[in-house]
Amino acid sequence: MHPPSDEWCVGTTALSDITYRFTFRGRSAHGAASPEAGNNALDAAVSSYVGINSLRGASRPSNNLVVGMVFREGGRATNVIPDRAVLDVEIRSTSAPIPQNLRGGKGEEAR
């Protein structure tokens, strides 16, 4: 993680950068035999992805907001409800307050 700043060491504009790793935990279950017994961690991760992605439209173009995301984990088989999902998020902007205002911690565990 780079410290958020509007200036690079030689005085040019740079993107401030905040990174997060979100871990979502649920309860695994067989998708056909007992889906009601599961709590899908990937569903929660996808909902978070959609919410974070909406930041792109909420920022002024002059802030040069860049949101990058990737799912690192999200299940092992199509017929098993995943009990764990991991989402990595990187937010960059030429406006240092934007990543700073979004910063809630070094990463969060969601349940």
PDB file of N, CA and C in Angstrom:
ATOM      1  N   MET A   1       0.854  -1.168   0.000  1.00  0.00           N
ATOM      2  CA  MET A   1       0.000   0.000   0.000  1.00  0.00           C
ATOM      3  C   MET A   1       0.900   1.231   0.000  1.00  0.00           C
ATOM      4  N   HIS A   2       0.585   2.165  -0.870  1.00  0.00           N
ATOM      5  CA  HIS A   2       1.320   3.416  -0.942  1.00  0.00           C
ATOM      6  C   HIS A   2       0.592   4.458  -0.112  1.00  0.00           C
ATOM      7  N   PRO A   3       1.330   5.359   0.552  1.00  0.00           N
ATOM      8  CA  PRO A   3       0.640   6.412   1.293  1.00  0.00           C
ATOM      9  C   PRO A   3      -0.092   7.341   0.329  1.00  0.00           C
ATOM     10  N   PRO A   4      -1.334   7.694   0.583  1.00  0.00           N
ATOM     11  CA  PRO A   4      -2.064   8.589  -0.303  1.00  0.00           C
ATOM     12  C   PRO A   4      -1.392   9.960  -0.370  1.00  0.00           C
ATOM     13  N   SER A   5      -1.229  10.457  -1.576  1.00  0.00           N
ATOM     14  CA  SER A   5      -0.617  11.763  -1.772  1.00  0.00           C
ATOM     15  C   SER A   5      -0.985  12.287  -3.144  1.00  0.00           C
ATOM     16  N   ASP A   6      -1.052  13.611  -3.276  1.00  0.00           N
ATOM     17  CA  ASP A   6      -1.326  14.227  -4.566  1.00  0.00           C
ATOM     18  C   ASP A   6      -0.060  14.436  -5.384  1.00  0.00           C
ATOM     19  N   GLU A   7       1.105  14.295  -4.783  1.00  0.00           N
ATOM     20  CA  GLU A   7       2.335  14.599  -5.499  1.00  0.00           C
ATOM     21  C   GLU A   7       3.319  13.452  -5.413  1.00  0.00           C
ATOM     22  N   TRP A   8       4.012  13.264  -6.515  1.00  0.00           N
ATOM     23  CA  TRP A   8       5.069  12.291  -6.590  1.00  0.00           C
ATOM     24  C   TRP A   8       6.344  12.965  -6.126  1.00  0.00           C
ATOM     25  N   CYS A   9       7.393  12.223  -5.896  1.00  0.00           N
ATOM     26  CA  CYS A   9       8.596  12.797  -5.304  1.00  0.00           C
ATOM     27  C   CYS A   9       9.235  13.899  -6.160  1.00  0.00           C
ATOM     28  N   VAL A  10       8.993  13.929  -7.463  1.00  0.00           N
ATOM     29  CA  VAL A  10       9.569  14.985  -8.294  1.00  0.00           C
ATOM     30  C   VAL A  10       8.555  16.071  -8.613  1.00  0.00           C
ATOM     31  N   GLY A  11       7.426  16.073  -7.938  1.00  0.00           N
ATOM     32  CA  GLY A  11       6.450  17.140  -8.080  1.00  0.00           C
ATOM     33  C   GLY A  11       5.398  16.943  -9.148  1.00  0.00           C
ATOM     34  N   THR A  12       5.354  15.785  -9.795  1.00  0.00           N
ATOM     35  CA  THR A  12       4.313  15.530 -10.780  1.00  0.00           C
ATOM     36  C   THR A  12       3.115  14.881 -10.113  1.00  0.00           C
ATOM     37  N   THR A  13       1.967  14.982 -10.756  1.00  0.00           N
ATOM     38  CA  THR A  13       0.752  14.384 -10.203  1.00  0.00           C
ATOM     39  C   THR A  13       0.850  12.869 -10.294  1.00  0.00           C
ATOM     40  N   ALA A  14       0.494  12.198  -9.227  1.00  0.00           N
ATOM     41  CA  ALA A  14       0.505  10.736  -9.175  1.00  0.00           C
ATOM     42  C   ALA A  14      -0.811  10.257  -8.597  1.00  0.00           C
ATOM     43  N   LEU A  15      -1.075   8.994  -8.764  1.00  0.00           N
ATOM     44  CA  LEU A  15      -2.289   8.412  -8.208  1.00  0.00           C
ATOM     45  C   LEU A  15      -2.024   7.918  -6.792  1.00  0.00           C
ATOM     46  N   SER A  16      -2.845   8.374  -5.827  1.00  0.00           N
ATOM     47  CA  SER A  16      -2.768   7.800  -4.490  1.00  0.00           C
ATOM     48  C   SER A  16      -3.398   6.415  -4.567  1.00  0.00           C
ATOM     49  N   ASP A  17      -3.006   5.527  -3.677  1.00  0.00           N
ATOM     50  CA  ASP A  17      -3.327   4.116  -3.827  1.00  0.00           C
ATOM     51  C   ASP A  17      -3.680   3.508  -2.476  1.00  0.00           C
ATOM     52  N   ILE A  18      -4.837   2.871  -2.416  1.00  0.00           N
ATOM     53  CA  ILE A  18      -5.254   2.129  -1.221  1.00  0.00           C
ATOM     54  C   ILE A  18      -5.635   0.721  -1.677  1.00  0.00           C
ATOM     55  N   THR A  19      -5.155  -0.292  -0.966  1.00  0.00           N
ATOM     56  CA  THR A  19      -5.519  -1.667  -1.295  1.00  0.00           C
ATOM     57  C   THR A  19      -6.209  -2.322  -0.105  1.00  0.00           C
ATOM     58  N   TYR A  20      -7.121  -3.201  -0.416  1.00  0.00           N
ATOM     59  CA  TYR A  20      -7.885  -3.932   0.596  1.00  0.00           C
ATOM     60  C   TYR A  20      -7.921  -5.405   0.206  1.00  0.00           C
ATOM     61  N   ARG A  21      -7.998  -6.270   1.189  1.00  0.00           N
ATOM     62  CA  ARG A  21      -8.331  -7.673   0.977  1.00  0.00           C
ATOM     63  C   ARG A  21      -9.505  -7.972   1.901  1.00  0.00           C
ATOM     64  N   PHE A  22     -10.646  -8.280   1.299  1.00  0.00           N
ATOM     65  CA  PHE A  22     -11.852  -8.603   2.048  1.00  0.00           C
ATOM     66  C   PHE A  22     -12.041 -10.112   2.027  1.00  0.00           C
ATOM     67  N   THR A  23     -12.249 -10.699   3.198  1.00  0.00           N
ATOM     68  CA  THR A  23     -12.517 -12.126   3.315  1.00  0.00           C
ATOM     69  C   THR A  23     -13.945 -12.307   3.808  1.00  0.00           C
ATOM     70  N   PHE A  24     -14.718 -13.063   3.051  1.00  0.00           N
ATOM     71  CA  PHE A  24     -16.125 -13.320   3.381  1.00  0.00           C
ATOM     72  C   PHE A  24     -16.233 -14.778   3.812  1.00  0.00           C
ATOM     73  N   ARG A  25     -16.915 -14.989   4.924  1.00  0.00           N
ATOM     74  CA  ARG A  25     -17.083 -16.346   5.440  1.00  0.00           C
ATOM     75  C   ARG A  25     -18.565 -16.693   5.512  1.00  0.00           C
ATOM     76  N   GLY A  26     -18.867 -17.899   5.105  1.00  0.00           N
ATOM     77  CA  GLY A  26     -20.244 -18.376   5.124  1.00  0.00           C
ATOM     78  C   GLY A  26     -20.287 -19.784   5.678  1.00  0.00           C
ATOM     79  N   ARG A  27     -21.192 -20.596   5.146  1.00  0.00           N
ATOM     80  CA  ARG A  27     -21.324 -21.994   5.579  1.00  0.00           C
ATOM     81  C   ARG A  27     -21.514 -22.844   4.328  1.00  0.00           C
ATOM     82  N   SER A  28     -20.653 -23.807   4.163  1.00  0.00           N
ATOM     83  CA  SER A  28     -20.691 -24.672   2.997  1.00  0.00           C
ATOM     84  C   SER A  28     -21.853 -25.665   3.080  1.00  0.00           C
ATOM     85  N   ALA A  29     -22.411 -25.976   1.929  1.00  0.00           N
ATOM     86  CA  ALA A  29     -23.468 -26.990   1.843  1.00  0.00           C
ATOM     87  C   ALA A  29     -23.521 -27.496   0.409  1.00  0.00           C
ATOM     88  N   HIS A  30     -24.121 -28.655   0.230  1.00  0.00           N
ATOM     89  CA  HIS A  30     -24.300 -29.193  -1.113  1.00  0.00           C
ATOM     90  C   HIS A  30     -25.398 -28.400  -1.813  1.00  0.00           C
ATOM     91  N   GLY A  31     -25.111 -27.932  -3.020  1.00  0.00           N
ATOM     92  CA  GLY A  31     -26.020 -27.047  -3.731  1.00  0.00           C
ATOM     93  C   GLY A  31     -27.342 -27.680  -4.140  1.00  0.00           C
ATOM     94  N   ALA A  32     -27.374 -28.990  -4.313  1.00  0.00           N
ATOM     95  CA  ALA A  32     -28.619 -29.661  -4.716  1.00  0.00           C
ATOM     96  C   ALA A  32     -29.302 -30.361  -3.542  1.00  0.00           C
ATOM     97  N   ALA A  33     -28.522 -30.995  -2.692  1.00  0.00           N
ATOM     98  CA  ALA A  33     -29.094 -31.798  -1.615  1.00  0.00           C
ATOM     99  C   ALA A  33     -29.597 -30.957  -0.443  1.00  0.00           C
ATOM    100  N   SER A  34     -28.874 -29.893  -0.099  1.00  0.00           N
ATOM    101  CA  SER A  34     -29.273 -29.104   1.076  1.00  0.00           C
ATOM    102  C   SER A  34     -28.826 -27.643   0.952  1.00  0.00           C
ATOM    103  N   PRO A  35     -29.263 -26.939  -0.078  1.00  0.00           N
ATOM    104  CA  PRO A  35     -28.816 -25.548  -0.235  1.00  0.00           C
ATOM    105  C   PRO A  35     -29.249 -24.646   0.916  1.00  0.00           C
ATOM    106  N   GLU A  36     -30.358 -24.975   1.554  1.00  0.00           N
ATOM    107  CA  GLU A  36     -30.849 -24.154   2.669  1.00  0.00           C
ATOM    108  C   GLU A  36     -29.906 -24.191   3.875  1.00  0.00           C
ATOM    109  N   ALA A  37     -29.037 -25.184   3.945  1.00  0.00           N
ATOM    110  CA  ALA A  37     -28.094 -25.303   5.058  1.00  0.00           C
ATOM    111  C   ALA A  37     -26.858 -24.423   4.850  1.00  0.00           C
ATOM    112  N   GLY A  38     -26.713 -23.876   3.648  1.00  0.00           N
ATOM    113  CA  GLY A  38     -25.532 -23.087   3.345  1.00  0.00           C
ATOM    114  C   GLY A  38     -25.747 -21.590   3.514  1.00  0.00           C
ATOM    115  N   ASN A  39     -24.646 -20.896   3.603  1.00  0.00           N
ATOM    116  CA  ASN A  39     -24.620 -19.435   3.635  1.00  0.00           C
ATOM    117  C   ASN A  39     -23.513 -19.029   2.662  1.00  0.00           C
ATOM    118  N   ASN A  40     -23.892 -18.538   1.491  1.00  0.00           N
ATOM    119  CA  ASN A  40     -22.989 -18.359   0.372  1.00  0.00           C
ATOM    120  C   ASN A  40     -22.073 -17.141   0.552  1.00  0.00           C
ATOM    121  N   ALA A  41     -20.805 -17.411   0.809  1.00  0.00           N
ATOM    122  CA  ALA A  41     -19.830 -16.334   0.980  1.00  0.00           C
ATOM    123  C   ALA A  41     -19.606 -15.590  -0.331  1.00  0.00           C
ATOM    124  N   LEU A  42     -19.692 -16.281  -1.455  1.00  0.00           N
ATOM    125  CA  LEU A  42     -19.480 -15.629  -2.744  1.00  0.00           C
ATOM    126  C   LEU A  42     -20.594 -14.634  -3.063  1.00  0.00           C
ATOM    127  N   ASP A  43     -21.823 -14.938  -2.677  1.00  0.00           N
ATOM    128  CA  ASP A  43     -22.922 -13.978  -2.877  1.00  0.00           C
ATOM    129  C   ASP A  43     -22.624 -12.658  -2.182  1.00  0.00           C
ATOM    130  N   ALA A  44     -22.115 -12.735  -0.967  1.00  0.00           N
ATOM    131  CA  ALA A  44     -21.773 -11.516  -0.214  1.00  0.00           C
ATOM    132  C   ALA A  44     -20.627 -10.768  -0.893  1.00  0.00           C
ATOM    133  N   ALA A  45     -19.652 -11.514  -1.394  1.00  0.00           N
ATOM    134  CA  ALA A  45     -18.515 -10.885  -2.067  1.00  0.00           C
ATOM    135  C   ALA A  45     -18.951 -10.198  -3.359  1.00  0.00           C
ATOM    136  N   VAL A  46     -19.840 -10.836  -4.104  1.00  0.00           N
ATOM    137  CA  VAL A  46     -20.336 -10.247  -5.349  1.00  0.00           C
ATOM    138  C   VAL A  46     -21.145  -8.979  -5.058  1.00  0.00           C
ATOM    139  N   SER A  47     -21.955  -9.001  -4.021  1.00  0.00           N
ATOM    140  CA  SER A  47     -22.710  -7.799  -3.642  1.00  0.00           C
ATOM    141  C   SER A  47     -21.765  -6.654  -3.290  1.00  0.00           C
ATOM    142  N   SER A  48     -20.691  -6.963  -2.592  1.00  0.00           N
ATOM    143  CA  SER A  48     -19.701  -5.944  -2.254  1.00  0.00           C
ATOM    144  C   SER A  48     -19.006  -5.426  -3.505  1.00  0.00           C
ATOM    145  N   TYR A  49     -18.686  -6.313  -4.423  1.00  0.00           N
ATOM    146  CA  TYR A  49     -18.063  -5.930  -5.691  1.00  0.00           C
ATOM    147  C   TYR A  49     -18.942  -4.920  -6.429  1.00  0.00           C
ATOM    148  N   VAL A  50     -20.231  -5.206  -6.502  1.00  0.00           N
ATOM    149  CA  VAL A  50     -21.162  -4.306  -7.197  1.00  0.00           C
ATOM    150  C   VAL A  50     -21.204  -2.941  -6.504  1.00  0.00           C
ATOM    151  N   GLY A  51     -21.252  -2.937  -5.181  1.00  0.00           N
ATOM    152  CA  GLY A  51     -21.281  -1.680  -4.445  1.00  0.00           C
ATOM    153  C   GLY A  51     -20.014  -0.861  -4.633  1.00  0.00           C
ATOM    154  N   ILE A  52     -18.865  -1.518  -4.549  1.00  0.00           N
ATOM    155  CA  ILE A  52     -17.594  -0.823  -4.731  1.00  0.00           C
ATOM    156  C   ILE A  52     -17.466  -0.322  -6.165  1.00  0.00           C
ATOM    157  N   ASN A  53     -17.901  -1.117  -7.112  1.00  0.00           N
ATOM    158  CA  ASN A  53     -17.842  -0.728  -8.519  1.00  0.00           C
ATOM    159  C   ASN A  53     -18.646   0.539  -8.794  1.00  0.00           C
ATOM    160  N   SER A  54     -19.696   0.778  -8.018  1.00  0.00           N
ATOM    161  CA  SER A  54     -20.525   1.966  -8.227  1.00  0.00           C
ATOM    162  C   SER A  54     -19.777   3.253  -7.890  1.00  0.00           C
ATOM    163  N   LEU A  55     -18.638   3.151  -7.190  1.00  0.00           N
ATOM    164  CA  LEU A  55     -17.835   4.338  -6.886  1.00  0.00           C
ATOM    165  C   LEU A  55     -17.344   5.016  -8.161  1.00  0.00           C
ATOM    166  N   ARG A  56     -17.160   4.238  -9.219  1.00  0.00           N
ATOM    167  CA  ARG A  56     -16.664   4.793 -10.472  1.00  0.00           C
ATOM    168  C   ARG A  56     -17.577   5.896 -10.995  1.00  0.00           C
ATOM    169  N   GLY A  57     -18.868   5.688 -10.896  1.00  0.00           N
ATOM    170  CA  GLY A  57     -19.822   6.672 -11.387  1.00  0.00           C
ATOM    171  C   GLY A  57     -20.073   7.814 -10.424  1.00  0.00           C
ATOM    172  N   ALA A  58     -19.639   7.668  -9.186  1.00  0.00           N
ATOM    173  CA  ALA A  58     -19.909   8.684  -8.166  1.00  0.00           C
ATOM    174  C   ALA A  58     -18.791   9.714  -8.049  1.00  0.00           C
ATOM    175  N   SER A  59     -17.726   9.534  -8.794  1.00  0.00           N
ATOM    176  CA  SER A  59     -16.581  10.438  -8.694  1.00  0.00           C
ATOM    177  C   SER A  59     -16.515  11.353  -9.916  1.00  0.00           C
ATOM    178  N   ARG A  60     -16.043  12.562  -9.705  1.00  0.00           N
ATOM    179  CA  ARG A  60     -15.836  13.499 -10.817  1.00  0.00           C
ATOM    180  C   ARG A  60     -14.724  12.986 -11.727  1.00  0.00           C
ATOM    181  N   PRO A  61     -14.862  13.159 -13.026  1.00  0.00           N
ATOM    182  CA  PRO A  61     -13.813  12.706 -13.946  1.00  0.00           C
ATOM    183  C   PRO A  61     -12.434  13.294 -13.632  1.00  0.00           C
ATOM    184  N   SER A  62     -12.386  14.505 -13.090  1.00  0.00           N
ATOM    185  CA  SER A  62     -11.102  15.142 -12.787  1.00  0.00           C
ATOM    186  C   SER A  62     -10.333  14.424 -11.676  1.00  0.00           C
ATOM    187  N   ASN A  63     -11.001  13.555 -10.907  1.00  0.00           N
ATOM    188  CA  ASN A  63     -10.328  12.808  -9.845  1.00  0.00           C
ATOM    189  C   ASN A  63      -9.597  11.572 -10.362  1.00  0.00           C
ATOM    190  N   ASN A  64      -9.840  11.229 -11.626  1.00  0.00           N
ATOM    191  CA  ASN A  64      -9.175  10.065 -12.228  1.00  0.00           C
ATOM    192  C   ASN A  64      -9.258   8.828 -11.334  1.00  0.00           C
ATOM    193  N   LEU A  65     -10.453   8.512 -10.876  1.00  0.00           N
ATOM    194  CA  LEU A  65     -10.651   7.367  -9.988  1.00  0.00           C
ATOM    195  C   LEU A  65     -10.492   6.067 -10.769  1.00  0.00           C
ATOM    196  N   VAL A  66      -9.658   5.193 -10.261  1.00  0.00           N
ATOM    197  CA  VAL A  66      -9.431   3.879 -10.852  1.00  0.00           C
ATOM    198  C   VAL A  66      -9.744   2.848  -9.780  1.00  0.00           C
ATOM    199  N   VAL A  67     -10.681   1.955 -10.071  1.00  0.00           N
ATOM    200  CA  VAL A  67     -11.056   0.889  -9.143  1.00  0.00           C
ATOM    201  C   VAL A  67     -10.735  -0.436  -9.812  1.00  0.00           C
ATOM    202  N   GLY A  68      -9.823  -1.186  -9.208  1.00  0.00           N
ATOM    203  CA  GLY A  68      -9.473  -2.509  -9.713  1.00  0.00           C
ATOM    204  C   GLY A  68      -9.857  -3.560  -8.689  1.00  0.00           C
ATOM    205  N   MET A  69     -10.480  -4.644  -9.155  1.00  0.00           N
ATOM    206  CA  MET A  69     -10.905  -5.704  -8.233  1.00  0.00           C
ATOM    207  C   MET A  69     -10.686  -7.071  -8.870  1.00  0.00           C
ATOM    208  N   VAL A  70     -10.405  -8.041  -8.016  1.00  0.00           N
ATOM    209  CA  VAL A  70     -10.273  -9.414  -8.471  1.00  0.00           C
ATOM    210  C   VAL A  70     -10.704 -10.353  -7.336  1.00  0.00           C
ATOM    211  N   PHE A  71     -11.422 -11.409  -7.710  1.00  0.00           N
ATOM    212  CA  PHE A  71     -11.778 -12.452  -6.748  1.00  0.00           C
ATOM    213  C   PHE A  71     -10.612 -13.422  -6.664  1.00  0.00           C
ATOM    214  N   ARG A  72     -10.046 -13.575  -5.477  1.00  0.00           N
ATOM    215  CA  ARG A  72      -8.936 -14.511  -5.264  1.00  0.00           C
ATOM    216  C   ARG A  72      -9.451 -15.903  -4.920  1.00  0.00           C
ATOM    217  N   GLU A  73     -10.593 -15.952  -4.256  1.00  0.00           N
ATOM    218  CA  GLU A  73     -11.224 -17.238  -3.923  1.00  0.00           C
ATOM    219  C   GLU A  73     -12.727 -17.062  -4.064  1.00  0.00           C
ATOM    220  N   GLY A  74     -13.414 -18.155  -4.367  1.00  0.00           N
ATOM    221  CA  GLY A  74     -14.864 -18.058  -4.488  1.00  0.00           C
ATOM    222  C   GLY A  74     -15.544 -19.397  -4.659  1.00  0.00           C
ATOM    223  N   GLY A  75     -14.952 -20.438  -4.132  1.00  0.00           N
ATOM    224  CA  GLY A  75     -15.554 -21.757  -4.232  1.00  0.00           C
ATOM    225  C   GLY A  75     -14.643 -22.719  -4.963  1.00  0.00           C
ATOM    226  N   ARG A  76     -14.965 -24.009  -4.802  1.00  0.00           N
ATOM    227  CA  ARG A  76     -14.121 -25.048  -5.405  1.00  0.00           C
ATOM    228  C   ARG A  76     -14.869 -25.947  -6.368  1.00  0.00           C
ATOM    229  N   ALA A  77     -16.191 -25.930  -6.301  1.00  0.00           N
ATOM    230  CA  ALA A  77     -16.991 -26.773  -7.200  1.00  0.00           C
ATOM    231  C   ALA A  77     -18.325 -26.087  -7.449  1.00  0.00           C
ATOM    232  N   THR A  78     -18.908 -26.341  -8.614  1.00  0.00           N
ATOM    233  CA  THR A  78     -20.157 -25.665  -8.972  1.00  0.00           C
ATOM    234  C   THR A  78     -21.348 -26.139  -8.159  1.00  0.00           C
ATOM    235  N   ASN A  79     -21.279 -27.324  -7.582  1.00  0.00           N
ATOM    236  CA  ASN A  79     -22.421 -27.846  -6.830  1.00  0.00           C
ATOM    237  C   ASN A  79     -22.256 -27.710  -5.317  1.00  0.00           C
ATOM    238  N   VAL A  80     -21.297 -26.889  -4.894  1.00  0.00           N
ATOM    239  CA  VAL A  80     -21.059 -26.674  -3.468  1.00  0.00           C
ATOM    240  C   VAL A  80     -21.147 -25.177  -3.176  1.00  0.00           C
ATOM    241  N   ILE A  81     -21.961 -24.821  -2.201  1.00  0.00           N
ATOM    242  CA  ILE A  81     -22.074 -23.423  -1.779  1.00  0.00           C
ATOM    243  C   ILE A  81     -20.775 -23.057  -1.060  1.00  0.00           C
ATOM    244  N   PRO A  82     -20.089 -22.015  -1.548  1.00  0.00           N
ATOM    245  CA  PRO A  82     -18.780 -21.697  -0.962  1.00  0.00           C
ATOM    246  C   PRO A  82     -18.891 -21.071   0.429  1.00  0.00           C
ATOM    247  N   ASP A  83     -18.006 -21.522   1.314  1.00  0.00           N
ATOM    248  CA  ASP A  83     -17.980 -20.981   2.673  1.00  0.00           C
ATOM    249  C   ASP A  83     -16.938 -19.877   2.829  1.00  0.00           C
ATOM    250  N   ARG A  84     -16.214 -19.598   1.772  1.00  0.00           N
ATOM    251  CA  ARG A  84     -15.178 -18.559   1.837  1.00  0.00           C
ATOM    252  C   ARG A  84     -15.027 -17.920   0.464  1.00  0.00           C
ATOM    253  N   ALA A  85     -14.890 -16.602   0.467  1.00  0.00           N
ATOM    254  CA  ALA A  85     -14.592 -15.850  -0.747  1.00  0.00           C
ATOM    255  C   ALA A  85     -13.635 -14.727  -0.368  1.00  0.00           C
ATOM    256  N   VAL A  86     -12.707 -14.425  -1.252  1.00  0.00           N
ATOM    257  CA  VAL A  86     -11.727 -13.367  -1.009  1.00  0.00           C
ATOM    258  C   VAL A  86     -11.748 -12.411  -2.195  1.00  0.00           C
ATOM    259  N   LEU A  87     -11.892 -11.131  -1.882  1.00  0.00           N
ATOM    260  CA  LEU A  87     -11.934 -10.078  -2.890  1.00  0.00           C
ATOM    261  C   LEU A  87     -10.819  -9.079  -2.606  1.00  0.00           C
ATOM    262  N   ASP A  88      -9.929  -8.883  -3.583  1.00  0.00           N
ATOM    263  CA  ASP A  88      -8.896  -7.856  -3.474  1.00  0.00           C
ATOM    264  C   ASP A  88      -9.367  -6.623  -4.230  1.00  0.00           C
ATOM    265  N   VAL A  89      -9.176  -5.456  -3.614  1.00  0.00           N
ATOM    266  CA  VAL A  89      -9.633  -4.186  -4.183  1.00  0.00           C
ATOM    267  C   VAL A  89      -8.478  -3.198  -4.122  1.00  0.00           C
ATOM    268  N   GLU A  90      -8.277  -2.475  -5.215  1.00  0.00           N
ATOM    269  CA  GLU A  90      -7.306  -1.392  -5.255  1.00  0.00           C
ATOM    270  C   GLU A  90      -8.028  -0.152  -5.773  1.00  0.00           C
ATOM    271  N   ILE A  91      -7.905   0.935  -5.018  1.00  0.00           N
ATOM    272  CA  ILE A  91      -8.546   2.196  -5.394  1.00  0.00           C
ATOM    273  C   ILE A  91      -7.455   3.244  -5.542  1.00  0.00           C
ATOM    274  N   ARG A  92      -7.417   3.866  -6.725  1.00  0.00           N
ATOM    275  CA  ARG A  92      -6.419   4.904  -6.999  1.00  0.00           C
ATOM    276  C   ARG A  92      -7.132   6.156  -7.485  1.00  0.00           C
ATOM    277  N   SER A  93      -6.536   7.299  -7.194  1.00  0.00           N
ATOM    278  CA  SER A  93      -7.097   8.580  -7.608  1.00  0.00           C
ATOM    279  C   SER A  93      -6.023   9.651  -7.555  1.00  0.00           C
ATOM    280  N   THR A  94      -6.165  10.676  -8.392  1.00  0.00           N
ATOM    281  CA  THR A  94      -5.252  11.813  -8.299  1.00  0.00           C
ATOM    282  C   THR A  94      -5.659  12.740  -7.160  1.00  0.00           C
ATOM    283  N   SER A  95      -6.802  12.481  -6.543  1.00  0.00           N
ATOM    284  CA  SER A  95      -7.251  13.247  -5.394  1.00  0.00           C
ATOM    285  C   SER A  95      -7.039  12.404  -4.140  1.00  0.00           C
ATOM    286  N   ALA A  96      -6.047  12.728  -3.349  1.00  0.00           N
ATOM    287  CA  ALA A  96      -5.714  11.939  -2.162  1.00  0.00           C
ATOM    288  C   ALA A  96      -6.880  11.750  -1.192  1.00  0.00           C
ATOM    289  N   PRO A  97      -7.765  12.738  -0.985  1.00  0.00           N
ATOM    290  CA  PRO A  97      -8.848  12.525  -0.023  1.00  0.00           C
ATOM    291  C   PRO A  97      -9.801  11.386  -0.399  1.00  0.00           C
ATOM    292  N   ILE A  98      -9.933  11.066  -1.671  1.00  0.00           N
ATOM    293  CA  ILE A  98     -10.887  10.011  -2.043  1.00  0.00           C
ATOM    294  C   ILE A  98     -10.469   8.667  -1.470  1.00  0.00           C
ATOM    295  N   PRO A  99      -9.276   8.145  -1.753  1.00  0.00           N
ATOM    296  CA  PRO A  99      -8.904   6.882  -1.102  1.00  0.00           C
ATOM    297  C   PRO A  99      -8.839   6.980   0.411  1.00  0.00           C
ATOM    298  N   GLN A 100      -8.397   8.129   0.943  1.00  0.00           N
ATOM    299  CA  GLN A 100      -8.325   8.289   2.398  1.00  0.00           C
ATOM    300  C   GLN A 100      -9.710   8.201   3.022  1.00  0.00           C
ATOM    301  N   ASN A 101     -10.709   8.802   2.402  1.00  0.00           N
ATOM    302  CA  ASN A 101     -12.071   8.769   2.942  1.00  0.00           C
ATOM    303  C   ASN A 101     -12.677   7.377   2.876  1.00  0.00           C
ATOM    304  N   LEU A 102     -12.242   6.581   1.922  1.00  0.00           N
ATOM    305  CA  LEU A 102     -12.770   5.225   1.781  1.00  0.00           C
ATOM    306  C   LEU A 102     -12.069   4.244   2.700  1.00  0.00           C
ATOM    307  N   ARG A 103     -10.947   4.651   3.223  1.00  0.00           N
ATOM    308  CA  ARG A 103     -10.138   3.743   4.033  1.00  0.00           C
ATOM    309  C   ARG A 103     -10.804   3.487   5.375  1.00  0.00           C
ATOM    310  N   GLY A 104     -11.186   2.223   5.615  1.00  0.00           N
ATOM    311  CA  GLY A 104     -11.784   1.861   6.879  1.00  0.00           C
ATOM    312  C   GLY A 104     -10.915   0.947   7.687  1.00  0.00           C
ATOM    313  N   GLY A 105      -9.825   0.489   7.104  1.00  0.00           N
ATOM    314  CA  GLY A 105      -8.925  -0.426   7.771  1.00  0.00           C
ATOM    315  C   GLY A 105      -8.006  -1.060   6.740  1.00  0.00           C
ATOM    316  N   LYS A 106      -7.197  -1.971   7.177  1.00  0.00           N
ATOM    317  CA  LYS A 106      -6.246  -2.623   6.276  1.00  0.00           C
ATOM    318  C   LYS A 106      -6.902  -3.741   5.497  1.00  0.00           C
ATOM    319  N   GLY A 107      -8.115  -4.043   5.802  1.00  0.00           N
ATOM    320  CA  GLY A 107      -8.850  -5.152   5.202  1.00  0.00           C
ATOM    321  C   GLY A 107      -9.906  -5.544   6.206  1.00  0.00           C
ATOM    322  N   GLU A 108     -10.960  -6.049   5.757  1.00  0.00           N
ATOM    323  CA  GLU A 108     -12.055  -6.356   6.671  1.00  0.00           C
ATOM    324  C   GLU A 108     -12.496  -7.801   6.460  1.00  0.00           C
ATOM    325  N   GLU A 109     -12.970  -8.410   7.521  1.00  0.00           N
ATOM    326  CA  GLU A 109     -13.582  -9.718   7.402  1.00  0.00           C
ATOM    327  C   GLU A 109     -15.074  -9.539   7.516  1.00  0.00           C
ATOM    328  N   ALA A 110     -15.782 -10.012   6.516  1.00  0.00           N
ATOM    329  CA  ALA A 110     -17.240  -9.876   6.494  1.00  0.00           C
ATOM    330  C   ALA A 110     -17.874 -11.215   6.790  1.00  0.00           C
ATOM    331  N   ARG A 111     -18.977 -11.186   7.473  1.00  0.00           N
ATOM    332  CA  ARG A 111     -19.710 -12.418   7.789  1.00  0.00           C
ATOM    333  C   ARG A 111     -21.129 -12.293   7.285  1.00  0.00           C
TER     334      ARG A 111
END
